[in-house]
PDB file of all heavy atoms in Angstrom:
ATOM      1  N   SER A   1      14.860  -4.156   6.247  1.00  0.00           N
ATOM      2  CA  SER A   1      13.413  -4.269   6.104  1.00  0.00           C
ATOM      3  C   SER A   1      12.957  -2.944   5.604  1.00  0.00           C
ATOM      4  O   SER A   1      13.116  -1.871   6.088  1.00  0.00           O
ATOM      5  CB  SER A   1      12.809  -4.488   7.527  1.00  0.00           C
ATOM      6  OG  SER A   1      11.304  -4.484   7.341  1.00  0.00           O
ATOM      7  N   PHE A   2      12.343  -2.907   4.345  1.00  0.00           N
ATOM      8  CA  PHE A   2      12.067  -1.690   3.678  1.00  0.00           C
ATOM      9  C   PHE A   2      10.716  -1.963   2.911  1.00  0.00           C
ATOM     10  O   PHE A   2      10.326  -3.116   2.406  1.00  0.00           O
ATOM     11  CB  PHE A   2      13.087  -1.155   2.873  1.00  0.00           C
ATOM     12  CG  PHE A   2      13.409  -2.108   1.647  1.00  0.00           C
ATOM     13  CD1 PHE A   2      12.818  -1.928   0.350  1.00  0.00           C
ATOM     14  CD2 PHE A   2      14.270  -3.137   1.804  1.00  0.00           C
ATOM     15  CE1 PHE A   2      13.055  -2.692  -0.524  1.00  0.00           C
ATOM     16  CE2 PHE A   2      14.523  -3.978   0.693  1.00  0.00           C
ATOM     17  CZ  PHE A   2      13.941  -3.778  -0.619  1.00  0.00           C
ATOM     18  N   LEU A   3      10.110  -0.826   2.646  1.00  0.00           N
ATOM     19  CA  LEU A   3       8.932  -0.734   1.589  1.00  0.00           C
ATOM     20  C   LEU A   3       9.238   0.279   0.648  1.00  0.00           C
ATOM     21  O   LEU A   3       9.769   1.319   0.819  1.00  0.00           O
ATOM     22  CB  LEU A   3       7.607  -0.379   2.331  1.00  0.00           C
ATOM     23  CG  LEU A   3       7.113  -1.323   3.394  1.00  0.00           C
ATOM     24  CD1 LEU A   3       5.909  -0.740   4.100  1.00  0.00           C
ATOM     25  CD2 LEU A   3       6.847  -2.750   2.722  1.00  0.00           C
ATOM     26  N   ILE A   4       8.886   0.114  -0.673  1.00  0.00           N
ATOM     27  CA  ILE A   4       8.718   1.040  -1.656  1.00  0.00           C
ATOM     28  C   ILE A   4       7.360   1.413  -1.957  1.00  0.00           C
ATOM     29  O   ILE A   4       6.484   0.479  -2.102  1.00  0.00           O
ATOM     30  CB  ILE A   4       9.511   0.583  -2.944  1.00  0.00           C
ATOM     31  CG1 ILE A   4      10.835   0.036  -2.705  1.00  0.00           C
ATOM     32  CG2 ILE A   4       9.335   1.632  -4.100  1.00  0.00           C
ATOM     33  CD1 ILE A   4      11.727   1.162  -2.367  1.00  0.00           C
ATOM     34  N   VAL A   5       6.967   2.746  -1.865  1.00  0.00           N
ATOM     35  CA  VAL A   5       5.619   3.162  -2.089  1.00  0.00           C
ATOM     36  C   VAL A   5       5.564   4.088  -3.149  1.00  0.00           C
ATOM     37  O   VAL A   5       6.166   5.236  -3.225  1.00  0.00           O
ATOM     38  CB  VAL A   5       5.039   3.917  -0.785  1.00  0.00           C
ATOM     39  CG1 VAL A   5       3.715   4.303  -1.035  1.00  0.00           C
ATOM     40  CG2 VAL A   5       5.220   2.934   0.353  1.00  0.00           C
ATOM     41  N   GLY A   6       4.773   3.713  -4.244  1.00  0.00           N
ATOM     42  CA  GLY A   6       4.536   4.582  -5.372  1.00  0.00           C
ATOM     43  C   GLY A   6       3.194   5.391  -5.113  1.00  0.00           C
ATOM     44  O   GLY A   6       2.236   4.724  -4.958  1.00  0.00           O
ATOM     45  N   VAL A   7       3.189   6.610  -5.502  1.00  0.00           N
ATOM     46  CA  VAL A   7       1.817   7.393  -5.351  1.00  0.00           C
ATOM     47  C   VAL A   7       1.573   8.017  -6.763  1.00  0.00           C
ATOM     48  O   VAL A   7       2.386   8.619  -7.498  1.00  0.00           O
ATOM     49  CB  VAL A   7       2.224   8.597  -4.366  1.00  0.00           C
ATOM     50  CG1 VAL A   7       0.920   9.277  -4.153  1.00  0.00           C
ATOM     51  CG2 VAL A   7       2.618   7.960  -3.095  1.00  0.00           C
ATOM     52  N   TYR A   8       0.330   7.791  -7.101  1.00  0.00           N
ATOM     53  CA  TYR A   8      -0.109   8.434  -8.327  1.00  0.00           C
ATOM     54  C   TYR A   8      -1.579   8.974  -7.962  1.00  0.00           C
ATOM     55  O   TYR A   8      -2.537   8.181  -7.804  1.00  0.00           O
ATOM     56  CB  TYR A   8      -0.303   7.430  -9.479  1.00  0.00           C
ATOM     57  CG  TYR A   8      -0.774   8.042 -10.741  1.00  0.00           C
ATOM     58  CD1 TYR A   8       0.127   9.003 -11.446  1.00  0.00           C
ATOM     59  CD2 TYR A   8      -2.048   7.982 -11.217  1.00  0.00           C
ATOM     60  CE1 TYR A   8      -0.329   9.570 -12.615  1.00  0.00           C
ATOM     61  CE2 TYR A   8      -2.522   8.503 -12.441  1.00  0.00           C
ATOM     62  CZ  TYR A   8      -1.620   9.419 -13.133  1.00  0.00           C
ATOM     63  OH  TYR A   8      -2.095   9.999 -14.243  1.00  0.00           O
ATOM     64  N   VAL A   9      -1.732  10.207  -7.929  1.00  0.00           N
ATOM     65  CA  VAL A   9      -3.024  10.982  -7.743  1.00  0.00           C
ATOM     66  C   VAL A   9      -3.521  10.383  -6.258  1.00  0.00           C
ATOM     67  O   VAL A   9      -2.949  10.687  -5.177  1.00  0.00           O
ATOM     68  CB  VAL A   9      -4.158  10.824  -8.678  1.00  0.00           C
ATOM     69  CG1 VAL A   9      -5.382  11.718  -8.476  1.00  0.00           C
ATOM     70  CG2 VAL A   9      -3.458  11.203  -9.987  1.00  0.00           C
ATOM     71  N   ASP A  10      -4.555   9.535  -6.172  1.00  0.00           N
ATOM     72  CA  ASP A  10      -5.113   9.030  -5.028  1.00  0.00           C
ATOM     73  C   ASP A  10      -4.820   7.448  -4.942  1.00  0.00           C
ATOM     74  O   ASP A  10      -5.497   6.796  -4.139  1.00  0.00           O
ATOM     75  CB  ASP A  10      -6.529   9.315  -4.766  1.00  0.00           C
ATOM     76  CG  ASP A  10      -7.387   8.722  -5.824  1.00  0.00           C
ATOM     77  OD1 ASP A  10      -6.881   8.188  -6.871  1.00  0.00           O
ATOM     78  OD2 ASP A  10      -8.617   8.944  -5.806  1.00  0.00           O
ATOM     79  N   ASP A  11      -3.852   7.001  -5.586  1.00  0.00           N
ATOM     80  CA  ASP A  11      -3.542   5.547  -5.696  1.00  0.00           C
ATOM     81  C   ASP A  11      -2.141   5.312  -5.025  1.00  0.00           C
ATOM     82  O   ASP A  11      -1.274   6.136  -5.400  1.00  0.00           O
ATOM     83  CB  ASP A  11      -3.528   4.921  -7.002  1.00  0.00           C
ATOM     84  CG  ASP A  11      -5.026   4.814  -7.627  1.00  0.00           C
ATOM     85  OD1 ASP A  11      -5.955   4.663  -6.772  1.00  0.00           O
ATOM     86  OD2 ASP A  11      -5.220   4.969  -8.865  1.00  0.00           O
ATOM     87  N   LEU A  12      -1.948   4.219  -4.273  1.00  0.00           N
ATOM     88  CA  LEU A  12      -0.651   3.704  -3.763  1.00  0.00           C
ATOM     89  C   LEU A  12      -0.407   2.333  -4.314  1.00  0.00           C
ATOM     90  O   LEU A  12      -1.232   1.619  -4.411  1.00  0.00           O
ATOM     91  CB  LEU A  12      -0.696   3.819  -2.279  1.00  0.00           C
ATOM     92  CG  LEU A  12      -1.071   4.993  -1.545  1.00  0.00           C
ATOM     93  CD1 LEU A  12      -1.021   4.690  -0.028  1.00  0.00           C
ATOM     94  CD2 LEU A  12       0.015   5.930  -1.805  1.00  0.00           C
ATOM     95  N   ILE A  13       0.978   2.129  -4.622  1.00  0.00           N
ATOM     96  CA  ILE A  13       1.372   0.868  -4.858  1.00  0.00           C
ATOM     97  C   ILE A  13       2.448   0.663  -3.763  1.00  0.00           C
ATOM     98  O   ILE A  13       3.408   1.444  -3.655  1.00  0.00           O
ATOM     99  CB  ILE A  13       2.054   0.730  -6.331  1.00  0.00           C
ATOM    100  CG1 ILE A  13       1.077   0.898  -7.332  1.00  0.00           C
ATOM    101  CG2 ILE A  13       2.697  -0.677  -6.501  1.00  0.00           C
ATOM    102  CD1 ILE A  13       1.617   0.989  -8.775  1.00  0.00           C
ATOM    103  N   ILE A  14       2.330  -0.425  -3.001  1.00  0.00           N
ATOM    104  CA  ILE A  14       3.123  -0.813  -1.980  1.00  0.00           C
ATOM    105  C   ILE A  14       3.883  -1.999  -2.286  1.00  0.00           C
ATOM    106  O   ILE A  14       3.326  -2.970  -2.600  1.00  0.00           O
ATOM    107  CB  ILE A  14       2.315  -0.867  -0.628  1.00  0.00           C
ATOM    108  CG1 ILE A  14       1.515   0.300  -0.450  1.00  0.00           C
ATOM    109  CG2 ILE A  14       3.376  -1.148   0.530  1.00  0.00           C
ATOM    110  CD1 ILE A  14       0.506   0.147   0.568  1.00  0.00           C
ATOM    111  N   SER A  15       5.128  -2.057  -2.176  1.00  0.00           N
ATOM    112  CA  SER A  15       6.036  -3.193  -2.478  1.00  0.00           C
ATOM    113  C   SER A  15       7.153  -3.386  -1.458  1.00  0.00           C
ATOM    114  O   SER A  15       7.596  -2.395  -0.952  1.00  0.00           O
ATOM    115  CB  SER A  15       6.614  -3.063  -3.923  1.00  0.00           C
ATOM    116  OG  SER A  15       7.361  -4.243  -4.235  1.00  0.00           O
ATOM    117  N   GLY A  16       7.446  -4.660  -1.215  1.00  0.00           N
ATOM    118  CA  GLY A  16       8.592  -4.835  -0.263  1.00  0.00           C
ATOM    119  C   GLY A  16       8.737  -6.440  -0.063  1.00  0.00           C
ATOM    120  O   GLY A  16       7.889  -7.187  -0.482  1.00  0.00           O
ATOM    121  N   PRO A  17       9.870  -6.829   0.589  1.00  0.00           N
ATOM    122  CA  PRO A  17      10.117  -8.283   0.603  1.00  0.00           C
ATOM    123  C   PRO A  17       9.285  -9.026   1.710  1.00  0.00           C
ATOM    124  O   PRO A  17       9.197 -10.137   1.745  1.00  0.00           O
ATOM    125  CB  PRO A  17      11.598  -8.213   0.887  1.00  0.00           C
ATOM    126  CG  PRO A  17      11.856  -7.023   1.582  1.00  0.00           C
ATOM    127  CD  PRO A  17      10.907  -6.042   0.937  1.00  0.00           C
ATOM    128  N   CYS A  18       8.594  -8.135   2.716  1.00  0.00           N
ATOM    129  CA  CYS A  18       8.017  -8.835   3.779  1.00  0.00           C
ATOM    130  C   CYS A  18       6.500  -8.457   3.816  1.00  0.00           C
ATOM    131  O   CYS A  18       6.191  -7.243   3.950  1.00  0.00           O
ATOM    132  CB  CYS A  18       8.617  -8.274   5.124  1.00  0.00           C
ATOM    133  SG  CYS A  18       7.823  -9.028   6.598  1.00  0.00           S
ATOM    134  N   VAL A  19       5.667  -9.419   3.554  1.00  0.00           N
ATOM    135  CA  VAL A  19       4.108  -9.235   3.540  1.00  0.00           C
ATOM    136  C   VAL A  19       3.676  -8.574   4.976  1.00  0.00           C
ATOM    137  O   VAL A  19       2.826  -7.594   4.864  1.00  0.00           O
ATOM    138  CB  VAL A  19       3.469 -10.532   3.296  1.00  0.00           C
ATOM    139  CG1 VAL A  19       1.915 -10.277   3.306  1.00  0.00           C
ATOM    140  CG2 VAL A  19       3.824 -10.956   1.846  1.00  0.00           C
ATOM    141  N   GLY A  20       4.167  -9.010   5.982  1.00  0.00           N
ATOM    142  CA  GLY A  20       3.881  -8.459   7.271  1.00  0.00           C
ATOM    143  C   GLY A  20       4.157  -6.917   7.386  1.00  0.00           C
ATOM    144  O   GLY A  20       3.267  -6.139   7.890  1.00  0.00           O
ATOM    145  N   ASP A  21       5.194  -6.448   6.797  1.00  0.00           N
ATOM    146  CA  ASP A  21       5.501  -4.994   6.819  1.00  0.00           C
ATOM    147  C   ASP A  21       4.402  -4.262   5.850  1.00  0.00           C
ATOM    148  O   ASP A  21       3.993  -3.083   6.264  1.00  0.00           O
ATOM    149  CB  ASP A  21       6.919  -4.693   6.244  1.00  0.00           C
ATOM    150  CG  ASP A  21       7.918  -5.069   7.231  1.00  0.00           C
ATOM    151  OD1 ASP A  21       7.695  -5.439   8.385  1.00  0.00           O
ATOM    152  OD2 ASP A  21       9.191  -5.213   6.830  1.00  0.00           O
ATOM    153  N   ILE A  22       4.070  -4.874   4.775  1.00  0.00           N
ATOM    154  CA  ILE A  22       3.061  -4.300   3.887  1.00  0.00           C
ATOM    155  C   ILE A  22       1.705  -4.157   4.655  1.00  0.00           C
ATOM    156  O   ILE A  22       0.947  -3.137   4.579  1.00  0.00           O
ATOM    157  CB  ILE A  22       2.980  -5.071   2.580  1.00  0.00           C
ATOM    158  CG1 ILE A  22       4.199  -4.987   1.817  1.00  0.00           C
ATOM    159  CG2 ILE A  22       1.780  -4.554   1.833  1.00  0.00           C
ATOM    160  CD1 ILE A  22       4.326  -5.964   0.588  1.00  0.00           C
ATOM    161  N   VAL A  23       1.284  -5.246   5.292  1.00  0.00           N
ATOM    162  CA  VAL A  23       0.048  -5.273   6.090  1.00  0.00           C
ATOM    163  C   VAL A  23       0.080  -4.218   7.169  1.00  0.00           C
ATOM    164  O   VAL A  23      -0.858  -3.371   7.281  1.00  0.00           O
ATOM    165  CB  VAL A  23      -0.226  -6.619   6.609  1.00  0.00           C
ATOM    166  CG1 VAL A  23      -1.393  -6.623   7.691  1.00  0.00           C
ATOM    167  CG2 VAL A  23      -0.400  -7.652   5.597  1.00  0.00           C
ATOM    168  N   GLN A  24       1.154  -4.072   7.910  1.00  0.00           N
ATOM    169  CA  GLN A  24       1.384  -3.024   8.941  1.00  0.00           C
ATOM    170  C   GLN A  24       1.185  -1.665   8.461  1.00  0.00           C
ATOM    171  O   GLN A  24       0.506  -0.784   8.947  1.00  0.00           O
ATOM    172  CB  GLN A  24       2.710  -3.226   9.753  1.00  0.00           C
ATOM    173  CG  GLN A  24       2.792  -2.251  10.840  1.00  0.00           C
ATOM    174  CD  GLN A  24       1.783  -2.403  11.929  1.00  0.00           C
ATOM    175  OE1 GLN A  24       1.343  -3.412  12.299  1.00  0.00           O
ATOM    176  NE2 GLN A  24       1.314  -1.233  12.387  1.00  0.00           N
ATOM    177  N   PHE A  25       1.819  -1.516   7.249  1.00  0.00           N
ATOM    178  CA  PHE A  25       1.807  -0.071   6.581  1.00  0.00           C
ATOM    179  C   PHE A  25       0.331   0.312   6.202  1.00  0.00           C
ATOM    180  O   PHE A  25      -0.080   1.355   6.489  1.00  0.00           O
ATOM    181  CB  PHE A  25       2.721   0.010   5.425  1.00  0.00           C
ATOM    182  CG  PHE A  25       2.747   1.253   4.694  1.00  0.00           C
ATOM    183  CD1 PHE A  25       3.318   2.338   5.194  1.00  0.00           C
ATOM    184  CD2 PHE A  25       2.051   1.382   3.514  1.00  0.00           C
ATOM    185  CE1 PHE A  25       3.372   3.525   4.532  1.00  0.00           C
ATOM    186  CE2 PHE A  25       1.932   2.539   2.746  1.00  0.00           C
ATOM    187  CZ  PHE A  25       2.694   3.749   3.360  1.00  0.00           C
ATOM    188  N   LYS A  26      -0.358  -0.781   5.770  1.00  0.00           N
ATOM    189  CA  LYS A  26      -1.761  -0.402   5.247  1.00  0.00           C
ATOM    190  C   LYS A  26      -2.660  -0.074   6.426  1.00  0.00           C
ATOM    191  O   LYS A  26      -3.428   0.765   6.340  1.00  0.00           O
ATOM    192  CB  LYS A  26      -2.226  -1.592   4.464  1.00  0.00           C
ATOM    193  CG  LYS A  26      -1.638  -1.712   3.040  1.00  0.00           C
ATOM    194  CD  LYS A  26      -2.445  -2.639   2.078  1.00  0.00           C
ATOM    195  CE  LYS A  26      -2.082  -4.053   2.258  1.00  0.00           C
ATOM    196  NZ  LYS A  26      -2.677  -5.019   1.318  1.00  0.00           N
ATOM    197  N   LEU A  27      -2.357  -0.934   7.545  1.00  0.00           N
ATOM    198  CA  LEU A  27      -3.083  -0.620   8.807  1.00  0.00           C
ATOM    199  C   LEU A  27      -2.934   0.839   9.308  1.00  0.00           C
ATOM    200  O   LEU A  27      -3.899   1.610   9.720  1.00  0.00           O
ATOM    201  CB  LEU A  27      -2.793  -1.661   9.889  1.00  0.00           C
ATOM    202  CG  LEU A  27      -3.452  -3.111   9.599  1.00  0.00           C
ATOM    203  CD1 LEU A  27      -2.801  -3.937  10.669  1.00  0.00           C
ATOM    204  CD2 LEU A  27      -4.951  -3.034   9.673  1.00  0.00           C
ATOM    205  N   GLU A  28      -1.642   1.297   9.180  1.00  0.00           N
ATOM    206  CA  GLU A  28      -1.347   2.601   9.690  1.00  0.00           C
ATOM    207  C   GLU A  28      -1.898   3.616   8.776  1.00  0.00           C
ATOM    208  O   GLU A  28      -2.574   4.658   9.237  1.00  0.00           O
ATOM    209  CB  GLU A  28       0.222   2.766   9.639  1.00  0.00           C
ATOM    210  CG  GLU A  28       0.930   1.931  10.710  1.00  0.00           C
ATOM    211  CD  GLU A  28       2.346   2.111  10.602  1.00  0.00           C
ATOM    212  OE1 GLU A  28       2.950   3.176  10.066  1.00  0.00           O
ATOM    213  OE2 GLU A  28       3.202   1.204  11.067  1.00  0.00           O
ATOM    214  N   MET A  29      -1.907   3.431   7.472  1.00  0.00           N
ATOM    215  CA  MET A  29      -2.531   4.394   6.523  1.00  0.00           C
ATOM    216  C   MET A  29      -4.103   4.342   6.736  1.00  0.00           C
ATOM    217  O   MET A  29      -4.651   5.539   6.532  1.00  0.00           O
ATOM    218  CB  MET A  29      -2.239   4.004   5.120  1.00  0.00           C
ATOM    219  CG  MET A  29      -0.811   3.995   4.818  1.00  0.00           C
ATOM    220  SD  MET A  29      -0.107   5.698   4.924  1.00  0.00           S
ATOM    221  CE  MET A  29      -0.867   6.525   3.505  1.00  0.00           C
ATOM    222  N   LYS A  30      -4.802   3.363   6.967  1.00  0.00           N
ATOM    223  CA  LYS A  30      -6.141   3.279   7.160  1.00  0.00           C
ATOM    224  C   LYS A  30      -6.608   3.965   8.406  1.00  0.00           C
ATOM    225  O   LYS A  30      -7.701   4.584   8.507  1.00  0.00           O
ATOM    226  CB  LYS A  30      -6.686   1.829   7.259  1.00  0.00           C
ATOM    227  CG  LYS A  30      -6.743   1.238   5.933  1.00  0.00           C
ATOM    228  CD  LYS A  30      -7.247  -0.320   6.035  1.00  0.00           C
ATOM    229  CE  LYS A  30      -7.352  -0.946   4.592  1.00  0.00           C
ATOM    230  NZ  LYS A  30      -7.879  -2.267   4.700  1.00  0.00           N
ATOM    231  N   LYS A  31      -5.690   4.098   9.318  1.00  0.00           N
ATOM    232  CA  LYS A  31      -5.940   4.861  10.710  1.00  0.00           C
ATOM    233  C   LYS A  31      -5.893   6.373  10.346  1.00  0.00           C
ATOM    234  O   LYS A  31      -6.719   7.197  10.949  1.00  0.00           O
ATOM    235  CB  LYS A  31      -4.995   4.525  11.722  1.00  0.00           C
ATOM    236  CG  LYS A  31      -5.179   3.225  12.329  1.00  0.00           C
ATOM    237  CD  LYS A  31      -4.169   3.054  13.446  1.00  0.00           C
ATOM    238  CE  LYS A  31      -4.235   1.641  14.087  1.00  0.00           C
ATOM    239  NZ  LYS A  31      -3.271   1.302  15.113  1.00  0.00           N
ATOM    240  N   LYS A  32      -5.185   6.838   9.386  1.00  0.00           N
ATOM    241  CA  LYS A  32      -4.986   8.274   9.116  1.00  0.00           C
ATOM    242  C   LYS A  32      -5.908   8.610   7.967  1.00  0.00           C
ATOM    243  O   LYS A  32      -6.243   9.950   7.813  1.00  0.00           O
ATOM    244  CB  LYS A  32      -3.574   8.613   8.701  1.00  0.00           C
ATOM    245  CG  LYS A  32      -2.638   8.263   9.909  1.00  0.00           C
ATOM    246  CD  LYS A  32      -1.220   8.762   9.600  1.00  0.00           C
ATOM    247  CE  LYS A  32      -0.301   8.497  10.776  1.00  0.00           C
ATOM    248  NZ  LYS A  32       0.865   9.222  10.753  1.00  0.00           N
ATOM    249  N   PHE A  33      -6.138   7.745   6.948  1.00  0.00           N
ATOM    250  CA  PHE A  33      -6.933   8.205   5.822  1.00  0.00           C
ATOM    251  C   PHE A  33      -8.004   7.225   5.588  1.00  0.00           C
ATOM    252  O   PHE A  33      -7.994   6.098   5.882  1.00  0.00           O
ATOM    253  CB  PHE A  33      -5.926   8.163   4.477  1.00  0.00           C
ATOM    254  CG  PHE A  33      -4.818   9.140   4.692  1.00  0.00           C
ATOM    255  CD1 PHE A  33      -3.476   8.487   5.074  1.00  0.00           C
ATOM    256  CD2 PHE A  33      -4.736  10.393   4.485  1.00  0.00           C
ATOM    257  CE1 PHE A  33      -2.539   9.372   5.320  1.00  0.00           C
ATOM    258  CE2 PHE A  33      -3.623  11.233   4.646  1.00  0.00           C
ATOM    259  CZ  PHE A  33      -2.442  10.590   4.970  1.00  0.00           C
ATOM    260  N   SER A  34      -9.046   7.747   4.906  1.00  0.00           N
ATOM    261  CA  SER A  34     -10.183   6.947   4.374  1.00  0.00           C
ATOM    262  C   SER A  34      -9.655   6.172   3.099  1.00  0.00           C
ATOM    263  O   SER A  34      -9.368   6.964   2.132  1.00  0.00           O
ATOM    264  CB  SER A  34     -11.376   7.688   4.096  1.00  0.00           C
ATOM    265  OG  SER A  34     -12.428   6.911   3.531  1.00  0.00           O
ATOM    266  N   MET A  35      -9.604   4.940   3.222  1.00  0.00           N
ATOM    267  CA  MET A  35      -9.032   4.126   1.923  1.00  0.00           C
ATOM    268  C   MET A  35      -9.563   2.844   1.981  1.00  0.00           C
ATOM    269  O   MET A  35     -10.095   2.293   2.864  1.00  0.00           O
ATOM    270  CB  MET A  35      -7.408   4.261   2.002  1.00  0.00           C
ATOM    271  CG  MET A  35      -6.870   3.476   3.183  1.00  0.00           C
ATOM    272  SD  MET A  35      -4.980   3.446   3.140  1.00  0.00           S
ATOM    273  CE  MET A  35      -4.842   1.950   2.372  1.00  0.00           C
ATOM    274  N   SER A  36      -9.495   2.206   0.710  1.00  0.00           N
ATOM    275  CA  SER A  36      -9.868   0.825   0.598  1.00  0.00           C
ATOM    276  C   SER A  36      -8.693   0.131   0.092  1.00  0.00           C
ATOM    277  O   SER A  36      -7.716   0.649  -0.728  1.00  0.00           O
ATOM    278  CB  SER A  36     -11.057   0.773  -0.445  1.00  0.00           C
ATOM    279  OG  SER A  36     -10.735   1.365  -1.696  1.00  0.00           O
ATOM    280  N   ASP A  37      -8.688  -1.189   0.266  1.00  0.00           N
ATOM    281  CA  ASP A  37      -7.479  -1.989  -0.153  1.00  0.00           C
ATOM    282  C   ASP A  37      -8.130  -2.882  -1.342  1.00  0.00           C
ATOM    283  O   ASP A  37      -8.930  -3.674  -1.235  1.00  0.00           O
ATOM    284  CB  ASP A  37      -7.077  -2.829   1.068  1.00  0.00           C
ATOM    285  CG  ASP A  37      -5.864  -3.817   0.702  1.00  0.00           C
ATOM    286  OD1 ASP A  37      -5.539  -3.890  -0.500  1.00  0.00           O
ATOM    287  OD2 ASP A  37      -5.375  -4.425   1.597  1.00  0.00           O
ATOM    288  N   LEU A  38      -7.520  -2.739  -2.512  1.00  0.00           N
ATOM    289  CA  LEU A  38      -7.999  -3.519  -3.690  1.00  0.00           C
ATOM    290  C   LEU A  38      -7.225  -4.748  -3.911  1.00  0.00           C
ATOM    291  O   LEU A  38      -7.363  -5.397  -4.851  1.00  0.00           O
ATOM    292  CB  LEU A  38      -7.918  -2.535  -4.787  1.00  0.00           C
ATOM    293  CG  LEU A  38      -8.656  -1.293  -4.798  1.00  0.00           C
ATOM    294  CD1 LEU A  38      -8.475  -0.466  -6.025  1.00  0.00           C
ATOM    295  CD2 LEU A  38     -10.210  -1.544  -4.775  1.00  0.00           C
ATOM    296  N   GLY A  39      -6.310  -5.169  -2.851  1.00  0.00           N
ATOM    297  CA  GLY A  39      -5.589  -6.310  -3.096  1.00  0.00           C
ATOM    298  C   GLY A  39      -4.431  -6.163  -3.922  1.00  0.00           C
ATOM    299  O   GLY A  39      -3.792  -5.089  -4.204  1.00  0.00           O
ATOM    300  N   LEU A  40      -3.983  -7.334  -4.633  1.00  0.00           N
ATOM    301  CA  LEU A  40      -2.861  -7.392  -5.449  1.00  0.00           C
ATOM    302  C   LEU A  40      -3.067  -6.497  -6.673  1.00  0.00           C
ATOM    303  O   LEU A  40      -4.160  -6.469  -7.059  1.00  0.00           O
ATOM    304  CB  LEU A  40      -2.612  -8.869  -5.851  1.00  0.00           C
ATOM    305  CG  LEU A  40      -1.890  -9.804  -4.890  1.00  0.00           C
ATOM    306  CD1 LEU A  40      -1.806 -11.080  -5.427  1.00  0.00           C
ATOM    307  CD2 LEU A  40      -0.573  -9.204  -4.355  1.00  0.00           C
ATOM    308  N   LEU A  41      -2.007  -5.882  -7.095  1.00  0.00           N
ATOM    309  CA  LEU A  41      -2.080  -5.006  -8.230  1.00  0.00           C
ATOM    310  C   LEU A  41      -2.382  -5.869  -9.441  1.00  0.00           C
ATOM    311  O   LEU A  41      -1.852  -6.883  -9.638  1.00  0.00           O
ATOM    312  CB  LEU A  41      -0.733  -4.325  -8.525  1.00  0.00           C
ATOM    313  CG  LEU A  41      -0.585  -3.397  -9.568  1.00  0.00           C
ATOM    314  CD1 LEU A  41      -1.491  -2.091  -9.325  1.00  0.00           C
ATOM    315  CD2 LEU A  41       0.823  -2.911  -9.620  1.00  0.00           C
ATOM    316  N   SER A  42      -3.402  -5.323 -10.172  1.00  0.00           N
ATOM    317  CA  SER A  42      -3.841  -6.090 -11.461  1.00  0.00           C
ATOM    318  C   SER A  42      -3.843  -5.129 -12.669  1.00  0.00           C
ATOM    319  O   SER A  42      -3.684  -5.585 -13.860  1.00  0.00           O
ATOM    320  CB  SER A  42      -5.184  -6.739 -11.261  1.00  0.00           C
ATOM    321  OG  SER A  42      -6.166  -5.840 -10.920  1.00  0.00           O
ATOM    322  N   TYR A  43      -4.079  -3.846 -12.424  1.00  0.00           N
ATOM    323  CA  TYR A  43      -4.056  -2.892 -13.424  1.00  0.00           C
ATOM    324  C   TYR A  43      -3.639  -1.464 -12.941  1.00  0.00           C
ATOM    325  O   TYR A  43      -4.101  -1.009 -12.007  1.00  0.00           O
ATOM    326  CB  TYR A  43      -5.553  -2.797 -13.990  1.00  0.00           C
ATOM    327  CG  TYR A  43      -5.688  -2.207 -15.369  1.00  0.00           C
ATOM    328  CD1 TYR A  43      -5.462  -2.992 -16.565  1.00  0.00           C
ATOM    329  CD2 TYR A  43      -5.993  -0.853 -15.626  1.00  0.00           C
ATOM    330  CE1 TYR A  43      -5.556  -2.335 -17.882  1.00  0.00           C
ATOM    331  CE2 TYR A  43      -6.155  -0.168 -16.875  1.00  0.00           C
ATOM    332  CZ  TYR A  43      -5.935  -1.094 -17.901  1.00  0.00           C
ATOM    333  OH  TYR A  43      -6.039  -0.526 -19.160  1.00  0.00           O
ATOM    334  N   TYR A  44      -2.713  -0.860 -13.641  1.00  0.00           N
ATOM    335  CA  TYR A  44      -2.236   0.500 -13.245  1.00  0.00           C
ATOM    336  C   TYR A  44      -1.677   1.230 -14.325  1.00  0.00           C
ATOM    337  O   TYR A  44      -0.913   0.819 -15.067  1.00  0.00           O
ATOM    338  CB  TYR A  44      -1.131   0.325 -12.108  1.00  0.00           C
ATOM    339  CG  TYR A  44      -0.651   1.434 -11.416  1.00  0.00           C
ATOM    340  CD1 TYR A  44      -1.546   2.057 -10.382  1.00  0.00           C
ATOM    341  CD2 TYR A  44       0.530   2.103 -11.614  1.00  0.00           C
ATOM    342  CE1 TYR A  44      -1.232   3.094  -9.650  1.00  0.00           C
ATOM    343  CE2 TYR A  44       0.871   3.228 -10.956  1.00  0.00           C
ATOM    344  CZ  TYR A  44       0.030   3.884 -10.141  1.00  0.00           C
ATOM    345  OH  TYR A  44       0.335   4.948  -9.271  1.00  0.00           O
ATOM    346  N   LEU A  45      -2.289   2.539 -14.489  1.00  0.00           N
ATOM    347  CA  LEU A  45      -1.764   3.473 -15.502  1.00  0.00           C
ATOM    348  C   LEU A  45      -1.779   2.797 -16.884  1.00  0.00           C
ATOM    349  O   LEU A  45      -0.866   3.049 -17.745  1.00  0.00           O
ATOM    350  CB  LEU A  45      -0.366   3.823 -15.325  1.00  0.00           C
ATOM    351  CG  LEU A  45      -0.213   4.771 -13.903  1.00  0.00           C
ATOM    352  CD1 LEU A  45       1.232   5.140 -13.705  1.00  0.00           C
ATOM    353  CD2 LEU A  45      -1.103   5.997 -13.912  1.00  0.00           C
TER     354      LEU A  45
END
């Protein structure tokens, strides 16, 4: 069970085989940082 997280300035791309792990990771990040979830990636760099 793993996640790959790409960071560019103040953006994150989170990828992994288990949606539940991605959801859990986003909840953990929201507790530590002020952030918004833009949903599925549609445009990047």
